PDB file of N, CA and C in Angstrom:
ATOM      1  N   MET A   1     228.446  24.066 212.514  1.00  0.00           N
ATOM      2  CA  MET A   1     227.378  24.626 213.321  1.00  0.00           C
ATOM      3  C   MET A   1     226.369  23.784 213.007  1.00  0.00           C
ATOM      4  N   PRO A   2     225.883  23.515 214.380  1.00  0.00           N
ATOM      5  CA  PRO A   2     224.283  22.639 213.898  1.00  0.00           C
ATOM      6  C   PRO A   2     223.325  23.584 213.628  1.00  0.00           C
ATOM      7  N   PRO A   3     222.562  22.672 212.393  1.00  0.00           N
ATOM      8  CA  PRO A   3     221.219  23.682 211.951  1.00  0.00           C
ATOM      9  C   PRO A   3     220.472  24.213 213.059  1.00  0.00           C
ATOM     10  N   ARG A   4     219.990  25.517 212.957  1.00  0.00           N
ATOM     11  CA  ARG A   4     219.237  25.931 214.282  1.00  0.00           C
ATOM     12  C   ARG A   4     217.955  25.280 213.838  1.00  0.00           C
ATOM     13  N   LEU A   5     217.034  25.093 215.287  1.00  0.00           N
ATOM     14  CA  LEU A   5     215.720  24.277 215.086  1.00  0.00           C
ATOM     15  C   LEU A   5     214.523  25.369 215.197  1.00  0.00           C
ATOM     16  N   ALA A   6     213.827  25.565 214.324  1.00  0.00           N
ATOM     17  CA  ALA A   6     212.426  26.547 214.172  1.00  0.00           C
ATOM     18  C   ALA A   6     212.048  26.901 215.657  1.00  0.00           C
ATOM     19  N   ALA A   7     211.739  28.060 215.877  1.00  0.00           N
ATOM     20  CA  ALA A   7     211.262  29.088 216.427  1.00  0.00           C
ATOM     21  C   ALA A   7     209.674  28.195 217.229  1.00  0.00           C
ATOM     22  N   THR A   8     209.383  28.130 218.082  1.00  0.00           N
ATOM     23  CA  THR A   8     207.823  27.747 218.687  1.00  0.00           C
ATOM     24  C   THR A   8     207.162  28.757 219.097  1.00  0.00           C
ATOM     25  N   LEU A   9     205.725  28.640 218.781  1.00  0.00           N
ATOM     26  CA  LEU A   9     204.992  29.781 219.165  1.00  0.00           C
ATOM     27  C   LEU A   9     203.826  29.525 219.925  1.00  0.00           C
ATOM     28  N   THR A  10     203.562  30.088 220.947  1.00  0.00           N
ATOM     29  CA  THR A  10     202.426  29.704 221.910  1.00  0.00           C
ATOM     30  C   THR A  10     201.417  30.838 221.511  1.00  0.00           C
ATOM     31  N   VAL A  11     200.240  30.692 221.396  1.00  0.00           N
ATOM     32  CA  VAL A  11     199.122  31.702 221.168  1.00  0.00           C
ATOM     33  C   VAL A  11     198.156  31.562 222.696  1.00  0.00           C
ATOM     34  N   ALA A  12     198.455  32.630 223.163  1.00  0.00           N
ATOM     35  CA  ALA A  12     197.769  33.035 224.836  1.00  0.00           C
ATOM     36  C   ALA A  12     196.491  33.956 224.774  1.00  0.00           C
ATOM     37  N   VAL A  13     195.510  33.464 225.313  1.00  0.00           N
ATOM     38  CA  VAL A  13     194.594  34.003 225.101  1.00  0.00           C
ATOM     39  C   VAL A  13     193.654  34.277 226.695  1.00  0.00           C
ATOM     40  N   LEU A  14     193.348  35.361 227.308  1.00  0.00           N
ATOM     41  CA  LEU A  14     192.299  35.416 228.377  1.00  0.00           C
ATOM     42  C   LEU A  14     191.301  35.529 228.093  1.00  0.00           C
ATOM     43  N   SER A  15     190.487  34.903 229.041  1.00  0.00           N
ATOM     44  CA  SER A  15     188.873  34.633 228.387  1.00  0.00           C
ATOM     45  C   SER A  15     188.063  34.768 229.755  1.00  0.00           C
ATOM     46  N   HIS A  16     187.099  35.256 229.415  1.00  0.00           N
ATOM     47  CA  HIS A  16     185.767  35.127 230.465  1.00  0.00           C
ATOM     48  C   HIS A  16     184.613  35.630 229.740  1.00  0.00           C
ATOM     49  N   ASN A  17     183.910  34.293 229.852  1.00  0.00           N
ATOM     50  CA  ASN A  17     182.682  34.597 229.139  1.00  0.00           C
ATOM     51  C   ASN A  17     182.497  35.065 227.496  1.00  0.00           C
ATOM     52  N   GLU A  18     183.742  34.267 226.897  1.00  0.00           N
ATOM     53  CA  GLU A  18     184.084  34.262 225.719  1.00  0.00           C
ATOM     54  C   GLU A  18     183.361  33.480 224.451  1.00  0.00           C
ATOM     55  N   ALA A  19     182.456  32.530 224.862  1.00  0.00           N
ATOM     56  CA  ALA A  19     181.881  31.584 223.795  1.00  0.00           C
ATOM     57  C   ALA A  19     181.560  32.174 222.697  1.00  0.00           C
ATOM     58  N   ALA A  20     181.416  33.066 222.351  1.00  0.00           N
ATOM     59  CA  ALA A  20     180.671  33.818 221.281  1.00  0.00           C
ATOM     60  C   ALA A  20     181.779  33.599 220.292  1.00  0.00           C
ATOM     61  N   GLY A  21     183.225  33.858 220.480  1.00  0.00           N
ATOM     62  CA  GLY A  21     184.377  34.261 220.033  1.00  0.00           C
ATOM     63  C   GLY A  21     185.555  33.468 219.963  1.00  0.00           C
ATOM     64  N   ILE A  22     185.481  32.730 220.916  1.00  0.00           N
ATOM     65  CA  ILE A  22     186.815  31.500 220.928  1.00  0.00           C
ATOM     66  C   ILE A  22     187.241  30.687 220.042  1.00  0.00           C
ATOM     67  N   GLU A  23     185.880  30.041 219.506  1.00  0.00           N
ATOM     68  CA  GLU A  23     186.737  28.836 218.519  1.00  0.00           C
ATOM     69  C   GLU A  23     186.845  29.503 217.269  1.00  0.00           C
ATOM     70  N   ALA A  24     186.568  30.790 216.656  1.00  0.00           N
ATOM     71  CA  ALA A  24     187.207  31.597 215.512  1.00  0.00           C
ATOM     72  C   ALA A  24     188.777  31.795 215.660  1.00  0.00           C
ATOM     73  N   CYS A  25     189.007  32.318 217.160  1.00  0.00           N
ATOM     74  CA  CYS A  25     190.103  32.527 217.329  1.00  0.00           C
ATOM     75  C   CYS A  25     191.138  31.763 217.480  1.00  0.00           C
ATOM     76  N   LEU A  26     190.717  30.330 218.084  1.00  0.00           N
ATOM     77  CA  LEU A  26     191.426  29.192 218.363  1.00  0.00           C
ATOM     78  C   LEU A  26     191.758  28.332 216.741  1.00  0.00           C
ATOM     79  N   ARG A  27     190.762  28.631 216.050  1.00  0.00           N
ATOM     80  CA  ARG A  27     190.813  27.782 214.681  1.00  0.00           C
ATOM     81  C   ARG A  27     191.809  28.694 214.112  1.00  0.00           C
ATOM     82  N   SER A  28     191.453  30.003 213.966  1.00  0.00           N
ATOM     83  CA  SER A  28     192.715  30.780 213.095  1.00  0.00           C
ATOM     84  C   SER A  28     194.338  30.390 213.790  1.00  0.00           C
ATOM     85  N   ALA A  29     194.402  30.506 215.093  1.00  0.00           N
ATOM     86  CA  ALA A  29     195.583  30.379 216.023  1.00  0.00           C
ATOM     87  C   ALA A  29     196.229  29.179 215.439  1.00  0.00           C
ATOM     88  N   ALA A  30     195.471  28.181 215.477  1.00  0.00           N
ATOM     89  CA  ALA A  30     195.818  26.565 215.510  1.00  0.00           C
ATOM     90  C   ALA A  30     196.701  26.748 214.136  1.00  0.00           C
ATOM     91  N   ALA A  31     196.577  27.302 213.370  1.00  0.00           N
ATOM     92  CA  ALA A  31     197.216  27.250 211.847  1.00  0.00           C
ATOM     93  C   ALA A  31     198.709  27.475 212.281  1.00  0.00           C
ATOM     94  N   ILE A  32     198.992  28.247 212.992  1.00  0.00           N
ATOM     95  CA  ILE A  32     200.622  28.905 213.055  1.00  0.00           C
ATOM     96  C   ILE A  32     200.854  28.387 214.884  1.00  0.00           C
ATOM     97  N   ALA A  33     200.439  28.176 215.700  1.00  0.00           N
ATOM     98  CA  ALA A  33     200.551  27.888 217.031  1.00  0.00           C
ATOM     99  C   ALA A  33     201.195  26.696 217.407  1.00  0.00           C
ATOM    100  N   ASP A  34     201.856  26.691 218.003  1.00  0.00           N
ATOM    101  CA  ASP A  34     202.531  25.014 218.579  1.00  0.00           C
ATOM    102  C   ASP A  34     201.939  24.951 219.804  1.00  0.00           C
ATOM    103  N   GLN A  35     201.414  25.656 220.276  1.00  0.00           N
ATOM    104  CA  GLN A  35     200.495  25.707 221.873  1.00  0.00           C
ATOM    105  C   GLN A  35     199.410  26.680 221.945  1.00  0.00           C
ATOM    106  N   LEU A  36     198.168  26.285 221.986  1.00  0.00           N
ATOM    107  CA  LEU A  36     197.043  27.228 222.369  1.00  0.00           C
ATOM    108  C   LEU A  36     197.076  27.192 223.792  1.00  0.00           C
ATOM    109  N   LEU A  37     197.222  28.073 224.365  1.00  0.00           N
ATOM    110  CA  LEU A  37     197.007  28.230 226.053  1.00  0.00           C
ATOM    111  C   LEU A  37     195.869  29.304 226.215  1.00  0.00           C
ATOM    112  N   VAL A  38     194.748  28.967 226.874  1.00  0.00           N
ATOM    113  CA  VAL A  38     193.633  29.781 227.387  1.00  0.00           C
ATOM    114  C   VAL A  38     193.643  29.865 228.863  1.00  0.00           C
ATOM    115  N   ILE A  39     193.808  30.697 229.443  1.00  0.00           N
ATOM    116  CA  ILE A  39     193.592  31.334 231.035  1.00  0.00           C
ATOM    117  C   ILE A  39     191.989  31.503 230.681  1.00  0.00           C
ATOM    118  N   ASP A  40     191.107  31.150 231.776  1.00  0.00           N
ATOM    119  CA  ASP A  40     189.925  31.378 231.743  1.00  0.00           C
ATOM    120  C   ASP A  40     189.544  31.998 233.599  1.00  0.00           C
ATOM    121  N   SER A  41     189.040  32.979 233.347  1.00  0.00           N
ATOM    122  CA  SER A  41     188.629  33.710 234.561  1.00  0.00           C
ATOM    123  C   SER A  41     187.323  33.151 235.218  1.00  0.00           C
ATOM    124  N   GLY A  42     186.996  32.021 234.999  1.00  0.00           N
ATOM    125  CA  GLY A  42     185.703  31.767 235.812  1.00  0.00           C
ATOM    126  C   GLY A  42     184.805  31.801 235.115  1.00  0.00           C
ATOM    127  N   SER A  43     184.498  31.602 233.654  1.00  0.00           N
ATOM    128  CA  SER A  43     183.614  31.711 232.653  1.00  0.00           C
ATOM    129  C   SER A  43     182.307  30.931 233.214  1.00  0.00           C
ATOM    130  N   SER A  44     181.039  31.616 233.029  1.00  0.00           N
ATOM    131  CA  SER A  44     179.925  30.803 233.282  1.00  0.00           C
ATOM    132  C   SER A  44     179.078  30.224 232.037  1.00  0.00           C
ATOM    133  N   ASP A  45     179.688  30.642 231.162  1.00  0.00           N
ATOM    134  CA  ASP A  45     178.945  30.342 229.776  1.00  0.00           C
ATOM    135  C   ASP A  45     179.988  28.774 229.091  1.00  0.00           C
ATOM    136  N   ALA A  46     180.024  28.380 228.143  1.00  0.00           N
ATOM    137  CA  ALA A  46     180.843  26.908 227.478  1.00  0.00           C
ATOM    138  C   ALA A  46     182.191  27.653 227.102  1.00  0.00           C
ATOM    139  N   THR A  47     182.644  28.971 227.589  1.00  0.00           N
ATOM    140  CA  THR A  47     184.242  29.057 227.101  1.00  0.00           C
ATOM    141  C   THR A  47     185.092  28.130 226.967  1.00  0.00           C
ATOM    142  N   ALA A  48     185.319  27.901 228.179  1.00  0.00           N
ATOM    143  CA  ALA A  48     186.445  26.558 228.590  1.00  0.00           C
ATOM    144  C   ALA A  48     186.023  24.977 227.718  1.00  0.00           C
ATOM    145  N   LEU A  49     185.061  24.674 227.942  1.00  0.00           N
ATOM    146  CA  LEU A  49     184.697  23.618 227.180  1.00  0.00           C
ATOM    147  C   LEU A  49     185.106  23.435 225.224  1.00  0.00           C
ATOM    148  N   LEU A  50     184.457  25.081 224.912  1.00  0.00           N
ATOM    149  CA  LEU A  50     184.912  25.130 223.492  1.00  0.00           C
ATOM    150  C   LEU A  50     186.263  25.157 223.262  1.00  0.00           C
ATOM    151  N   ALA A  51     187.084  26.004 224.435  1.00  0.00           N
ATOM    152  CA  ALA A  51     188.281  26.146 224.083  1.00  0.00           C
ATOM    153  C   ALA A  51     189.109  24.776 224.153  1.00  0.00           C
ATOM    154  N   ARG A  52     188.744  24.055 224.874  1.00  0.00           N
ATOM    155  CA  ARG A  52     189.270  22.432 225.006  1.00  0.00           C
ATOM    156  C   ARG A  52     188.757  21.675 223.595  1.00  0.00           C
ATOM    157  N   ALA A  53     187.764  21.921 223.295  1.00  0.00           N
ATOM    158  CA  ALA A  53     187.255  21.377 221.951  1.00  0.00           C
ATOM    159  C   ALA A  53     188.173  21.645 220.611  1.00  0.00           C
ATOM    160  N   ALA A  54     188.453  22.488 220.890  1.00  0.00           N
ATOM    161  CA  ALA A  54     189.109  23.024 219.694  1.00  0.00           C
ATOM    162  C   ALA A  54     190.942  23.038 219.650  1.00  0.00           C
ATOM    163  N   GLY A  55     191.455  22.302 220.954  1.00  0.00           N
ATOM    164  CA  GLY A  55     192.490  22.015 221.196  1.00  0.00           C
ATOM    165  C   GLY A  55     193.425  22.851 222.182  1.00  0.00           C
ATOM    166  N   ALA A  56     192.877  23.635 222.551  1.00  0.00           N
ATOM    167  CA  ALA A  56     193.622  24.255 223.731  1.00  0.00           C
ATOM    168  C   ALA A  56     193.839  23.734 224.878  1.00  0.00           C
ATOM    169  N   GLU A  57     194.971  24.326 225.423  1.00  0.00           N
ATOM    170  CA  GLU A  57     195.108  23.883 226.950  1.00  0.00           C
ATOM    171  C   GLU A  57     194.421  25.113 227.815  1.00  0.00           C
ATOM    172  N   VAL A  58     193.335  24.730 228.966  1.00  0.00           N
ATOM    173  CA  VAL A  58     192.876  25.719 229.463  1.00  0.00           C
ATOM    174  C   VAL A  58     193.323  25.674 230.888  1.00  0.00           C
ATOM    175  N   LEU A  59     193.410  26.539 231.483  1.00  0.00           N
ATOM    176  CA  LEU A  59     193.349  26.430 232.982  1.00  0.00           C
ATOM    177  C   LEU A  59     192.461  27.276 233.497  1.00  0.00           C
ATOM    178  N   GLU A  60     191.963  27.086 234.380  1.00  0.00           N
ATOM    179  CA  GLU A  60     190.621  28.296 235.319  1.00  0.00           C
ATOM    180  C   GLU A  60     191.225  28.558 236.446  1.00  0.00           C
ATOM    181  N   TYR A  61     191.374  29.640 236.439  1.00  0.00           N
ATOM    182  CA  TYR A  61     191.615  30.495 237.536  1.00  0.00           C
ATOM    183  C   TYR A  61     190.448  31.528 237.741  1.00  0.00           C
ATOM    184  N   ALA A  62     189.424  31.354 238.680  1.00  0.00           N
ATOM    185  CA  ALA A  62     187.983  32.125 238.860  1.00  0.00           C
ATOM    186  C   ALA A  62     188.679  33.350 240.039  1.00  0.00           C
ATOM    187  N   ASP A  63     189.548  33.084 240.926  1.00  0.00           N
ATOM    188  CA  ASP A  63     189.906  34.056 241.494  1.00  0.00           C
ATOM    189  C   ASP A  63     190.611  35.300 240.793  1.00  0.00           C
ATOM    190  N   TRP A  64     189.743  36.306 240.462  1.00  0.00           N
ATOM    191  CA  TRP A  64     190.455  37.122 239.372  1.00  0.00           C
ATOM    192  C   TRP A  64     191.349  38.065 240.393  1.00  0.00           C
ATOM    193  N   GLN A  65     192.425  38.223 239.996  1.00  0.00           N
ATOM    194  CA  GLN A  65     193.541  39.319 240.778  1.00  0.00           C
ATOM    195  C   GLN A  65     193.699  40.591 240.087  1.00  0.00           C
ATOM    196  N   GLY A  66     193.449  40.140 238.568  1.00  0.00           N
ATOM    197  CA  GLY A  66     193.875  41.574 238.010  1.00  0.00           C
ATOM    198  C   GLY A  66     194.495  41.175 236.636  1.00  0.00           C
ATOM    199  N   PHE A  67     194.433  41.611 235.684  1.00  0.00           N
ATOM    200  CA  PHE A  67     194.813  41.451 234.142  1.00  0.00           C
ATOM    201  C   PHE A  67     196.344  41.378 234.565  1.00  0.00           C
ATOM    202  N   ALA A  68     197.049  41.756 235.258  1.00  0.00           N
ATOM    203  CA  ALA A  68     198.661  41.391 235.752  1.00  0.00           C
ATOM    204  C   ALA A  68     198.928  40.011 235.898  1.00  0.00           C
ATOM    205  N   VAL A  69     198.039  39.452 236.892  1.00  0.00           N
ATOM    206  CA  VAL A  69     198.207  38.248 237.266  1.00  0.00           C
ATOM    207  C   VAL A  69     197.619  37.346 236.720  1.00  0.00           C
ATOM    208  N   GLN A  70     196.886  37.452 235.452  1.00  0.00           N
ATOM    209  CA  GLN A  70     196.314  36.488 234.618  1.00  0.00           C
ATOM    210  C   GLN A  70     197.366  36.539 233.580  1.00  0.00           C
ATOM    211  N   ARG A  71     197.691  37.425 233.160  1.00  0.00           N
ATOM    212  CA  ARG A  71     198.864  37.568 232.148  1.00  0.00           C
ATOM    213  C   ARG A  71     200.050  36.737 232.826  1.00  0.00           C
ATOM    214  N   THR A  72     200.640  36.840 233.976  1.00  0.00           N
ATOM    215  CA  THR A  72     201.833  36.098 234.522  1.00  0.00           C
ATOM    216  C   THR A  72     201.564  34.852 234.433  1.00  0.00           C
ATOM    217  N   ARG A  73     199.990  34.471 234.747  1.00  0.00           N
ATOM    218  CA  ARG A  73     199.642  33.013 234.585  1.00  0.00           C
ATOM    219  C   ARG A  73     200.138  32.749 233.034  1.00  0.00           C
ATOM    220  N   GLN A  74     199.676  33.458 232.169  1.00  0.00           N
ATOM    221  CA  GLN A  74     199.669  32.874 230.700  1.00  0.00           C
ATOM    222  C   GLN A  74     201.255  32.655 230.550  1.00  0.00           C
ATOM    223  N   LEU A  75     202.370  33.522 230.965  1.00  0.00           N
ATOM    224  CA  LEU A  75     203.450  33.461 230.903  1.00  0.00           C
ATOM    225  C   LEU A  75     204.021  32.094 231.678  1.00  0.00           C
ATOM    226  N   GLN A  76     203.897  31.648 232.837  1.00  0.00           N
ATOM    227  CA  GLN A  76     204.266  30.568 233.605  1.00  0.00           C
ATOM    228  C   GLN A  76     203.817  29.242 232.766  1.00  0.00           C
ATOM    229  N   HIS A  77     202.724  29.135 232.224  1.00  0.00           N
ATOM    230  CA  HIS A  77     202.605  28.302 231.492  1.00  0.00           C
ATOM    231  C   HIS A  77     202.558  28.091 229.986  1.00  0.00           C
ATOM    232  N   ALA A  78     203.130  29.331 229.360  1.00  0.00           N
ATOM    233  CA  ALA A  78     203.251  29.163 228.029  1.00  0.00           C
ATOM    234  C   ALA A  78     205.241  28.672 227.800  1.00  0.00           C
ATOM    235  N   ARG A  79     205.038  27.467 226.945  1.00  0.00           N
ATOM    236  CA  ARG A  79     206.185  26.849 226.488  1.00  0.00           C
ATOM    237  C   ARG A  79     206.828  27.278 225.261  1.00  0.00           C
ATOM    238  N   GLY A  80     206.200  28.158 223.925  1.00  0.00           N
ATOM    239  CA  GLY A  80     206.762  28.465 223.134  1.00  0.00           C
ATOM    240  C   GLY A  80     208.130  29.453 223.467  1.00  0.00           C
ATOM    241  N   ASP A  81     208.961  29.297 222.251  1.00  0.00           N
ATOM    242  CA  ASP A  81     209.935  30.579 222.080  1.00  0.00           C
ATOM    243  C   ASP A  81     209.554  32.185 222.084  1.00  0.00           C
ATOM    244  N   TYR A  82     208.367  32.024 221.625  1.00  0.00           N
ATOM    245  CA  TYR A  82     207.827  33.499 221.178  1.00  0.00           C
ATOM    246  C   TYR A  82     206.211  33.032 221.836  1.00  0.00           C
ATOM    247  N   VAL A  83     205.848  34.695 222.185  1.00  0.00           N
ATOM    248  CA  VAL A  83     204.267  34.147 222.758  1.00  0.00           C
ATOM    249  C   VAL A  83     203.704  35.439 222.244  1.00  0.00           C
ATOM    250  N   PHE A  84     202.546  34.680 221.492  1.00  0.00           N
ATOM    251  CA  PHE A  84     201.575  35.963 221.083  1.00  0.00           C
ATOM    252  C   PHE A  84     200.214  36.299 221.868  1.00  0.00           C
ATOM    253  N   PHE A  85     200.344  37.197 222.485  1.00  0.00           N
ATOM    254  CA  PHE A  85     198.970  37.442 223.559  1.00  0.00           C
ATOM    255  C   PHE A  85     197.587  37.882 222.586  1.00  0.00           C
ATOM    256  N   SER A  86     196.555  37.187 222.223  1.00  0.00           N
ATOM    257  CA  SER A  86     195.380  37.593 221.235  1.00  0.00           C
ATOM    258  C   SER A  86     194.171  37.668 222.310  1.00  0.00           C
ATOM    259  N   ARG A  87     193.159  38.494 221.779  1.00  0.00           N
ATOM    260  CA  ARG A  87     192.295  38.776 222.211  1.00  0.00           C
ATOM    261  C   ARG A  87     190.942  37.504 221.726  1.00  0.00           C
ATOM    262  N   CYS A  88     190.309  37.174 222.538  1.00  0.00           N
ATOM    263  CA  CYS A  88     189.553  35.742 222.165  1.00  0.00           C
ATOM    264  C   CYS A  88     188.478  36.452 220.713  1.00  0.00           C
ATOM    265  N   ARG A  89     187.920  37.735 220.673  1.00  0.00           N
ATOM    266  CA  ARG A  89     187.429  37.917 219.348  1.00  0.00           C
ATOM    267  C   ARG A  89     188.191  38.158 218.232  1.00  0.00           C
ATOM    268  N   ARG A  90     189.483  38.100 218.147  1.00  0.00           N
ATOM    269  CA  ARG A  90     190.483  38.085 216.876  1.00  0.00           C
ATOM    270  C   ARG A  90     190.414  36.699 216.529  1.00  0.00           C
ATOM    271  N   SER A  91     189.844  37.019 214.968  1.00  0.00           N
ATOM    272  CA  SER A  91     189.565  35.562 214.236  1.00  0.00           C
ATOM    273  C   SER A  91     190.642  35.525 213.118  1.00  0.00           C
ATOM    274  N   ASP A  92     191.763  36.571 212.987  1.00  0.00           N
ATOM    275  CA  ASP A  92     192.840  36.491 212.230  1.00  0.00           C
ATOM    276  C   ASP A  92     193.945  36.532 212.635  1.00  0.00           C
ATOM    277  N   VAL A  93     194.135  35.603 213.749  1.00  0.00           N
ATOM    278  CA  VAL A  93     195.772  35.221 214.541  1.00  0.00           C
ATOM    279  C   VAL A  93     196.619  34.982 213.472  1.00  0.00           C
ATOM    280  N   ALA A  94     196.444  34.188 212.689  1.00  0.00           N
ATOM    281  CA  ALA A  94     197.299  33.740 211.643  1.00  0.00           C
ATOM    282  C   ALA A  94     197.921  34.821 210.863  1.00  0.00           C
ATOM    283  N   GLY A  95     196.584  35.595 210.646  1.00  0.00           N
ATOM    284  CA  GLY A  95     197.343  36.590 209.426  1.00  0.00           C
ATOM    285  C   GLY A  95     197.796  37.623 210.039  1.00  0.00           C
ATOM    286  N   VAL A  96     197.735  38.042 211.274  1.00  0.00           N
ATOM    287  CA  VAL A  96     198.495  39.007 212.390  1.00  0.00           C
ATOM    288  C   VAL A  96     200.060  38.414 212.368  1.00  0.00           C
ATOM    289  N   CYS A  97     199.918  37.458 212.895  1.00  0.00           N
ATOM    290  CA  CYS A  97     201.644  36.907 213.235  1.00  0.00           C
ATOM    291  C   CYS A  97     202.357  36.741 211.971  1.00  0.00           C
ATOM    292  N   ALA A  98     201.437  36.476 210.988  1.00  0.00           N
ATOM    293  CA  ALA A  98     202.510  36.233 209.638  1.00  0.00           C
ATOM    294  C   ALA A  98     202.960  37.581 209.293  1.00  0.00           C
ATOM    295  N   GLY A  99     201.811  38.805 209.375  1.00  0.00           N
ATOM    296  CA  GLY A  99     202.538  39.827 209.029  1.00  0.00           C
ATOM    297  C   GLY A  99     203.655  40.275 209.848  1.00  0.00           C
ATOM    298  N   ALA A 100     203.297  40.048 210.922  1.00  0.00           N
ATOM    299  CA  ALA A 100     204.297  40.494 212.056  1.00  0.00           C
ATOM    300  C   ALA A 100     205.674  40.003 211.868  1.00  0.00           C
ATOM    301  N   ALA A 101     205.743  38.742 211.429  1.00  0.00           N
ATOM    302  CA  ALA A 101     206.730  37.980 211.119  1.00  0.00           C
ATOM    303  C   ALA A 101     207.496  38.321 210.057  1.00  0.00           C
ATOM    304  N   SER A 102     207.121  38.781 208.783  1.00  0.00           N
ATOM    305  CA  SER A 102     207.294  39.352 207.682  1.00  0.00           C
ATOM    306  C   SER A 102     208.183  40.436 207.760  1.00  0.00           C
ATOM    307  N   HIS A 103     207.529  41.539 209.055  1.00  0.00           N
ATOM    308  CA  HIS A 103     208.142  42.705 209.200  1.00  0.00           C
ATOM    309  C   HIS A 103     209.227  42.192 210.162  1.00  0.00           C
ATOM    310  N   ARG A 104     209.573  41.472 210.552  1.00  0.00           N
ATOM    311  CA  ARG A 104     210.361  41.019 211.612  1.00  0.00           C
ATOM    312  C   ARG A 104     210.077  41.817 213.201  1.00  0.00           C
ATOM    313  N   ALA A 105     208.827  41.780 213.366  1.00  0.00           N
ATOM    314  CA  ALA A 105     208.565  42.492 214.859  1.00  0.00           C
ATOM    315  C   ALA A 105     208.718  41.519 215.898  1.00  0.00           C
ATOM    316  N   ILE A 106     208.578  40.126 215.575  1.00  0.00           N
ATOM    317  CA  ILE A 106     208.444  39.278 216.655  1.00  0.00           C
ATOM    318  C   ILE A 106     209.658  38.100 216.219  1.00  0.00           C
ATOM    319  N   GLY A 107     210.405  38.469 214.882  1.00  0.00           N
ATOM    320  CA  GLY A 107     211.505  37.314 214.779  1.00  0.00           C
ATOM    321  C   GLY A 107     210.988  35.917 214.704  1.00  0.00           C
ATOM    322  N   LEU A 108     209.943  35.438 213.964  1.00  0.00           N
ATOM    323  CA  LEU A 108     209.554  34.242 213.663  1.00  0.00           C
ATOM    324  C   LEU A 108     210.088  34.030 212.294  1.00  0.00           C
TER     325      LEU A 108
END
């Protein structure tokens, strides 16, 4: 049997005017994520610019149609075997994912 390849992880964030917290969130997530994905809802601040500078793939959908539509967009663009949905203001993404994996909650 061939060796099993390691699972990949997408950290996905919904944002709207989150310039104050997006960098810390993505900096933490970058330690564990194979893909950083931000779906921005038409921010008027520097959220999208800061997210791109932090290495995230940023897709802008200013046509807010509700949370479910934005979440579906995240899933359409996610490439990881697993997807962790994070809030922009969460600066401990790596710790949360590591804790979940150690409890086999998400199977990483």
